[in-house]
N, C-alpha and C. Protein backbone atom coordinates (compact mmCIF):
# COMPACT_ATOMS: atom_id res chain seq x y z
N MET A 1 -3.27 4.28 -13.97
CA MET A 1 -2.20 4.67 -13.08
C MET A 1 -1.31 3.46 -12.83
N LYS A 2 -0.03 3.68 -12.97
CA LYS A 2 0.94 2.62 -12.70
C LYS A 2 1.43 2.77 -11.26
N LEU A 3 1.49 1.65 -10.57
CA LEU A 3 1.97 1.69 -9.19
C LEU A 3 3.48 1.84 -9.14
N ASN A 4 3.94 2.54 -8.14
CA ASN A 4 5.35 2.63 -7.84
C ASN A 4 5.85 1.21 -7.60
N SER A 5 6.98 0.85 -8.16
CA SER A 5 7.46 -0.53 -8.07
C SER A 5 7.79 -0.93 -6.64
N GLU A 6 8.28 -0.01 -5.83
CA GLU A 6 8.58 -0.35 -4.43
C GLU A 6 7.29 -0.62 -3.66
N LEU A 7 6.26 0.17 -3.91
CA LEU A 7 4.97 -0.07 -3.28
C LEU A 7 4.41 -1.41 -3.72
N GLN A 8 4.50 -1.68 -5.00
CA GLN A 8 4.01 -2.94 -5.54
C GLN A 8 4.69 -4.13 -4.85
N GLU A 9 5.99 -4.02 -4.64
CA GLU A 9 6.75 -5.10 -4.00
C GLU A 9 6.33 -5.29 -2.54
N VAL A 10 6.10 -4.20 -1.82
CA VAL A 10 5.70 -4.29 -0.41
C VAL A 10 4.32 -4.94 -0.30
N VAL A 11 3.40 -4.51 -1.15
CA VAL A 11 2.05 -5.08 -1.12
C VAL A 11 2.11 -6.57 -1.45
N ALA A 12 2.85 -6.93 -2.48
CA ALA A 12 2.95 -8.33 -2.89
C ALA A 12 3.55 -9.18 -1.76
N ALA A 13 4.61 -8.70 -1.16
CA ALA A 13 5.27 -9.47 -0.10
C ALA A 13 4.39 -9.59 1.14
N THR A 14 3.75 -8.50 1.53
CA THR A 14 2.94 -8.50 2.74
C THR A 14 1.70 -9.37 2.60
N LEU A 15 1.06 -9.28 1.44
CA LEU A 15 -0.17 -10.05 1.21
C LEU A 15 0.10 -11.40 0.55
N ARG A 16 1.38 -11.70 0.32
CA ARG A 16 1.80 -12.96 -0.32
C ARG A 16 1.08 -13.19 -1.65
N LEU A 17 1.24 -12.20 -2.51
CA LEU A 17 0.64 -12.26 -3.84
C LEU A 17 1.73 -12.21 -4.90
N PRO A 18 1.46 -12.77 -6.07
CA PRO A 18 2.40 -12.58 -7.18
C PRO A 18 2.46 -11.09 -7.52
N LEU A 19 3.63 -10.61 -7.85
CA LEU A 19 3.81 -9.21 -8.21
C LEU A 19 2.84 -8.77 -9.30
N SER A 20 2.59 -9.65 -10.24
CA SER A 20 1.71 -9.30 -11.37
C SER A 20 0.26 -9.08 -10.93
N ASP A 21 -0.13 -9.58 -9.76
CA ASP A 21 -1.49 -9.39 -9.26
C ASP A 21 -1.69 -8.03 -8.58
N VAL A 22 -0.59 -7.36 -8.28
CA VAL A 22 -0.68 -6.09 -7.54
C VAL A 22 -0.75 -4.94 -8.55
N THR A 23 -1.97 -4.47 -8.74
CA THR A 23 -2.22 -3.34 -9.64
C THR A 23 -2.87 -2.22 -8.84
N ALA A 24 -3.02 -1.07 -9.47
CA ALA A 24 -3.65 0.07 -8.80
C ALA A 24 -5.08 -0.25 -8.38
N GLU A 25 -5.72 -1.16 -9.11
CA GLU A 25 -7.12 -1.50 -8.84
C GLU A 25 -7.29 -2.49 -7.69
N LEU A 26 -6.20 -3.10 -7.23
CA LEU A 26 -6.29 -4.08 -6.16
C LEU A 26 -6.92 -3.44 -4.92
N ALA A 27 -7.92 -4.11 -4.36
CA ALA A 27 -8.64 -3.58 -3.21
C ALA A 27 -8.74 -4.63 -2.11
N ALA A 28 -9.01 -4.16 -0.91
CA ALA A 28 -9.09 -5.04 0.24
C ALA A 28 -10.06 -6.19 0.01
N GLY A 29 -11.17 -5.96 -0.61
CA GLY A 29 -12.16 -7.01 -0.84
C GLY A 29 -11.74 -8.06 -1.85
N ASP A 30 -10.64 -7.80 -2.57
CA ASP A 30 -10.18 -8.72 -3.61
C ASP A 30 -9.28 -9.83 -3.08
N VAL A 31 -8.75 -9.64 -1.88
CA VAL A 31 -7.73 -10.55 -1.35
C VAL A 31 -8.14 -11.03 0.04
N GLU A 32 -8.20 -12.33 0.21
CA GLU A 32 -8.60 -12.90 1.50
C GLU A 32 -7.69 -12.43 2.63
N ARG A 33 -6.41 -12.33 2.37
CA ARG A 33 -5.46 -11.93 3.42
C ARG A 33 -5.54 -10.44 3.76
N TRP A 34 -6.25 -9.67 2.92
CA TRP A 34 -6.37 -8.23 3.18
C TRP A 34 -7.63 -7.98 4.00
N ASP A 35 -7.64 -8.57 5.19
CA ASP A 35 -8.71 -8.34 6.16
C ASP A 35 -8.22 -7.24 7.11
N SER A 36 -8.86 -7.06 8.25
CA SER A 36 -8.46 -5.97 9.15
C SER A 36 -7.03 -6.14 9.66
N LEU A 37 -6.65 -7.35 10.02
CA LEU A 37 -5.28 -7.59 10.47
C LEU A 37 -4.30 -7.45 9.31
N GLY A 38 -4.68 -7.96 8.16
CA GLY A 38 -3.84 -7.82 6.97
C GLY A 38 -3.63 -6.37 6.60
N HIS A 39 -4.69 -5.56 6.77
CA HIS A 39 -4.59 -4.13 6.47
C HIS A 39 -3.60 -3.46 7.41
N LEU A 40 -3.69 -3.79 8.69
CA LEU A 40 -2.76 -3.22 9.67
C LEU A 40 -1.33 -3.63 9.33
N ASN A 41 -1.12 -4.90 9.01
CA ASN A 41 0.23 -5.35 8.64
C ASN A 41 0.74 -4.64 7.40
N LEU A 42 -0.16 -4.45 6.43
CA LEU A 42 0.22 -3.76 5.19
C LEU A 42 0.60 -2.31 5.48
N ILE A 43 -0.20 -1.62 6.27
CA ILE A 43 0.09 -0.22 6.61
C ILE A 43 1.43 -0.12 7.33
N LEU A 44 1.67 -1.00 8.30
CA LEU A 44 2.93 -0.97 9.03
C LEU A 44 4.12 -1.24 8.11
N ALA A 45 3.97 -2.18 7.20
CA ALA A 45 5.05 -2.48 6.26
C ALA A 45 5.34 -1.29 5.35
N ILE A 46 4.28 -0.63 4.88
CA ILE A 46 4.45 0.53 4.00
C ILE A 46 5.07 1.69 4.76
N GLU A 47 4.59 1.94 5.97
CA GLU A 47 5.17 3.03 6.78
C GLU A 47 6.66 2.78 7.02
N GLY A 48 7.01 1.55 7.30
CA GLY A 48 8.42 1.22 7.52
C GLY A 48 9.26 1.39 6.27
N LYS A 49 8.77 0.91 5.16
CA LYS A 49 9.51 0.98 3.91
C LYS A 49 9.73 2.42 3.45
N PHE A 50 8.68 3.23 3.55
CA PHE A 50 8.74 4.59 3.00
C PHE A 50 9.02 5.65 4.06
N LYS A 51 9.21 5.22 5.31
CA LYS A 51 9.53 6.15 6.40
C LYS A 51 8.51 7.27 6.51
N VAL A 52 7.23 6.87 6.51
CA VAL A 52 6.12 7.82 6.65
C VAL A 52 5.22 7.35 7.78
N LYS A 53 4.30 8.21 8.17
CA LYS A 53 3.28 7.86 9.17
C LYS A 53 1.96 8.36 8.63
N PHE A 54 1.05 7.41 8.37
CA PHE A 54 -0.28 7.79 7.91
C PHE A 54 -1.08 8.35 9.08
N GLU A 55 -1.93 9.34 8.81
CA GLU A 55 -2.83 9.85 9.83
C GLU A 55 -3.81 8.72 10.17
N THR A 56 -4.10 8.57 11.45
CA THR A 56 -4.95 7.48 11.92
C THR A 56 -6.28 7.43 11.17
N GLU A 57 -6.90 8.58 10.97
CA GLU A 57 -8.20 8.60 10.30
C GLU A 57 -8.10 8.23 8.82
N LYS A 58 -6.93 8.37 8.22
CA LYS A 58 -6.76 8.02 6.80
C LYS A 58 -6.59 6.51 6.61
N ILE A 59 -6.10 5.83 7.62
CA ILE A 59 -5.80 4.40 7.49
C ILE A 59 -7.03 3.60 7.08
N ALA A 60 -8.16 3.92 7.63
CA ALA A 60 -9.39 3.19 7.31
C ALA A 60 -9.91 3.51 5.91
N GLU A 61 -9.43 4.61 5.32
CA GLU A 61 -9.90 5.04 4.01
C GLU A 61 -9.07 4.50 2.84
N ILE A 62 -7.86 4.10 3.12
CA ILE A 62 -6.97 3.70 2.01
C ILE A 62 -7.02 2.19 1.81
N LEU A 63 -8.08 1.77 1.15
CA LEU A 63 -8.36 0.35 0.98
C LEU A 63 -8.12 -0.15 -0.44
N THR A 64 -7.42 0.63 -1.24
CA THR A 64 -6.99 0.16 -2.56
C THR A 64 -5.53 0.55 -2.73
N ALA A 65 -4.85 -0.15 -3.60
CA ALA A 65 -3.45 0.18 -3.87
C ALA A 65 -3.34 1.60 -4.42
N ARG A 66 -4.29 2.01 -5.24
CA ARG A 66 -4.28 3.37 -5.79
C ARG A 66 -4.36 4.42 -4.68
N LYS A 67 -5.27 4.21 -3.73
CA LYS A 67 -5.42 5.19 -2.64
C LYS A 67 -4.19 5.22 -1.74
N ILE A 68 -3.58 4.06 -1.54
CA ILE A 68 -2.34 4.02 -0.75
C ILE A 68 -1.27 4.83 -1.46
N GLN A 69 -1.14 4.63 -2.76
CA GLN A 69 -0.13 5.37 -3.52
C GLN A 69 -0.41 6.88 -3.48
N GLU A 70 -1.67 7.25 -3.62
CA GLU A 70 -2.02 8.68 -3.55
C GLU A 70 -1.65 9.28 -2.20
N GLN A 71 -1.90 8.54 -1.12
CA GLN A 71 -1.52 9.02 0.21
C GLN A 71 0.00 9.14 0.34
N LEU A 72 0.71 8.15 -0.18
CA LEU A 72 2.17 8.22 -0.14
C LEU A 72 2.68 9.42 -0.92
N GLN A 73 2.08 9.68 -2.07
CA GLN A 73 2.48 10.84 -2.87
C GLN A 73 2.23 12.13 -2.09
N SER A 74 1.09 12.22 -1.41
CA SER A 74 0.77 13.43 -0.66
C SER A 74 1.73 13.65 0.52
N LEU A 75 2.33 12.55 0.99
CA LEU A 75 3.30 12.63 2.09
C LEU A 75 4.73 12.82 1.57
N GLY A 76 4.90 12.89 0.25
CA GLY A 76 6.22 13.08 -0.33
C GLY A 76 7.10 11.84 -0.28
N ALA A 77 6.49 10.68 -0.17
CA ALA A 77 7.26 9.44 0.00
C ALA A 77 8.10 9.08 -1.22
N PHE A 78 7.72 9.55 -2.38
CA PHE A 78 8.43 9.16 -3.59
C PHE A 78 9.46 10.22 -4.02
N ASP A 79 9.51 11.34 -3.31
CA ASP A 79 10.47 12.39 -3.65
C ASP A 79 11.89 11.84 -3.54
N GLY A 80 12.63 12.00 -4.60
CA GLY A 80 14.00 11.55 -4.59
C GLY A 80 14.19 10.06 -4.81
N ARG A 81 13.08 9.34 -5.01
CA ARG A 81 13.18 7.89 -5.28
C ARG A 81 13.14 7.67 -6.77
N GLY A 82 13.88 6.68 -7.21
CA GLY A 82 13.96 6.37 -8.64
C GLY A 82 12.84 5.67 -9.16
């Protein structure tokens, strides 16, 4: 699965990672900055960028870039985006 480029950019910027390191397989345990506070910052950045609101109970479950993208897709975040 290829990540949406906008999602990839938000994850890279928020976690201060090189863009090339942000793949669908990237998980919270892989990045020191992706701790509980980092996760909250990442979720807030993604919600702001894509104008969505994750369900509170889903936030704790989306701990990989792939799962974040799947949640964004289910919320229609990529509809109409290039």
